[in-house]
Protein backbone atom coordinates (compact mmCIF):
# COMPACT_ATOMS: atom_id res chain seq x y z
CA PRO A 1 8.41 -35.44 -10.62
CA LEU A 2 7.23 -33.22 -8.54
CA MET A 3 4.50 -34.02 -6.96
CA SER A 4 2.68 -30.56 -5.78
CA VAL A 5 2.81 -27.27 -7.01
CA VAL A 6 3.40 -24.01 -3.71
CA ALA A 7 2.19 -21.17 -4.53
CA ALA A 8 2.20 -18.25 -3.97
CA PRO A 9 -0.12 -16.06 -1.86
CA GLN A 10 -2.05 -13.33 -4.03
CA VAL A 11 -2.00 -10.01 -3.11
CA THR A 12 -4.86 -7.73 -4.36
CA ILE A 13 -4.44 -3.77 -4.52
CA ARG A 14 -7.37 -3.56 -2.87
CA GLU A 15 -6.49 -5.75 0.16
CA LYS A 16 -2.92 -3.51 0.37
CA ILE A 17 -4.80 -0.01 -0.30
CA GLY A 18 -6.97 -1.10 3.25
CA GLN A 19 -3.71 -2.08 4.90
CA ILE A 20 -2.43 1.09 3.88
CA VAL A 21 -5.89 2.45 5.12
CA GLY A 22 -5.91 1.08 8.07
CA ALA A 23 -2.38 1.63 9.38
CA LEU A 24 -2.67 6.07 8.07
CA ARG A 25 -6.20 6.01 10.70
CA LYS A 26 -4.31 4.43 13.84
CA HIS A 27 -0.79 6.40 13.14
CA GLY A 28 -1.17 9.22 10.46
CA ARG A 29 1.33 8.23 8.87
CA VAL A 30 3.72 4.96 7.60
CA GLY A 31 6.56 4.63 6.23
CA PHE A 32 6.88 2.58 2.72
CA ARG A 33 9.21 -0.32 4.46
CA THR A 34 6.38 -0.51 7.94
CA ILE A 35 3.43 -0.85 4.53
CA LEU A 36 5.52 -4.06 3.52
CA GLY A 37 5.70 -5.52 6.42
CA LYS A 38 7.83 -8.96 6.79
CA VAL A 39 7.19 -9.79 3.42
CA ARG A 40 8.44 -8.91 0.96
CA SER A 41 8.61 -11.59 -1.93
CA ARG A 42 8.43 -9.06 -5.49
CA LEU A 43 5.10 -9.13 -5.74
CA GLU A 44 4.08 -7.45 -2.47
CA VAL A 45 6.02 -5.21 -3.21
CA VAL A 46 5.05 -4.06 -6.57
CA VAL A 47 1.12 -4.13 -5.33
CA ALA A 48 2.23 -1.76 -2.40
CA PHE A 49 3.73 0.83 -4.26
CA LEU A 50 0.85 0.45 -7.04
CA ALA A 51 -1.54 1.46 -3.95
CA VAL A 52 0.49 3.91 -3.06
CA LEU A 53 0.57 5.19 -5.56
CA GLU A 54 -3.08 5.05 -6.52
CA LEU A 55 -4.10 6.95 -3.00
CA VAL A 56 -1.53 9.16 -4.58
CA LYS A 57 -3.26 9.44 -7.40
CA ARG A 58 -6.97 10.29 -5.64
CA ARG A 59 -5.34 13.02 -3.40
CA LYS A 60 -6.01 10.63 -0.02
CA VAL A 61 -2.04 10.30 0.64
CA ALA A 62 1.03 12.46 0.44
CA ALA A 63 4.02 10.53 -0.50
CA SER A 64 7.71 11.96 0.19
CA GLN A 65 11.28 10.96 0.49
CA GLY A 66 14.38 12.96 2.10
CA GLY A 67 16.38 11.59 -0.31
CA LEU A 68 17.64 8.89 -3.40
CA PHE A 69 17.04 5.14 -1.23
CA SER A 70 15.55 7.15 1.66
CA GLU A 71 12.07 5.84 3.07
CA ILE A 72 9.40 6.71 1.37
CA GLU A 73 6.93 8.67 4.01
CA ILE A 74 3.14 8.12 3.81
CA GLU A 75 0.20 10.53 5.62
CA THR A 76 -2.77 11.49 5.03
CA ALA A 77 -3.73 13.95 2.61
CA GLU A 78 -5.74 18.01 3.45
CA ASN A 79 -8.92 16.34 1.28
CA TRP A 80 -8.66 12.50 3.54
CA GLN A 81 -12.04 11.93 5.20
CA ASP A 82 -11.16 8.73 8.10
CA ASP A 83 -15.27 7.42 7.37
CA GLU A 84 -14.25 7.54 3.01
CA ASP A 85 -15.36 3.71 1.41
CA PHE A 86 -12.03 3.37 -0.51
CA GLU A 87 -13.59 1.76 -3.17
CA LEU A 88 -11.43 0.67 -6.98
CA GLU A 89 -12.70 1.64 -9.74
CA PHE A 90 -10.37 -1.69 -11.92
CA GLY A 91 -11.08 -4.97 -11.40
CA GLU A 92 -8.23 -7.22 -10.28
């Protein structure tokens, strides 16, 4: 019988946006693999991608990819404001 259950840590879109914004404030441009870091669970990859899509949708970042399966580069968009608070409109 199984005595204990190990649950994967929850990663929220809000937290991932905070990490992306922090990296962009520090470097100005960052690769998607850098955002993922060392932990690459399927859930974390999906949440990171959704966070990037949310920032692109809000026109805060621009994402580009040189070719099929190449690194996705994320950089600040023209309307980026370094002191802006990135609040999300949806619950998680």
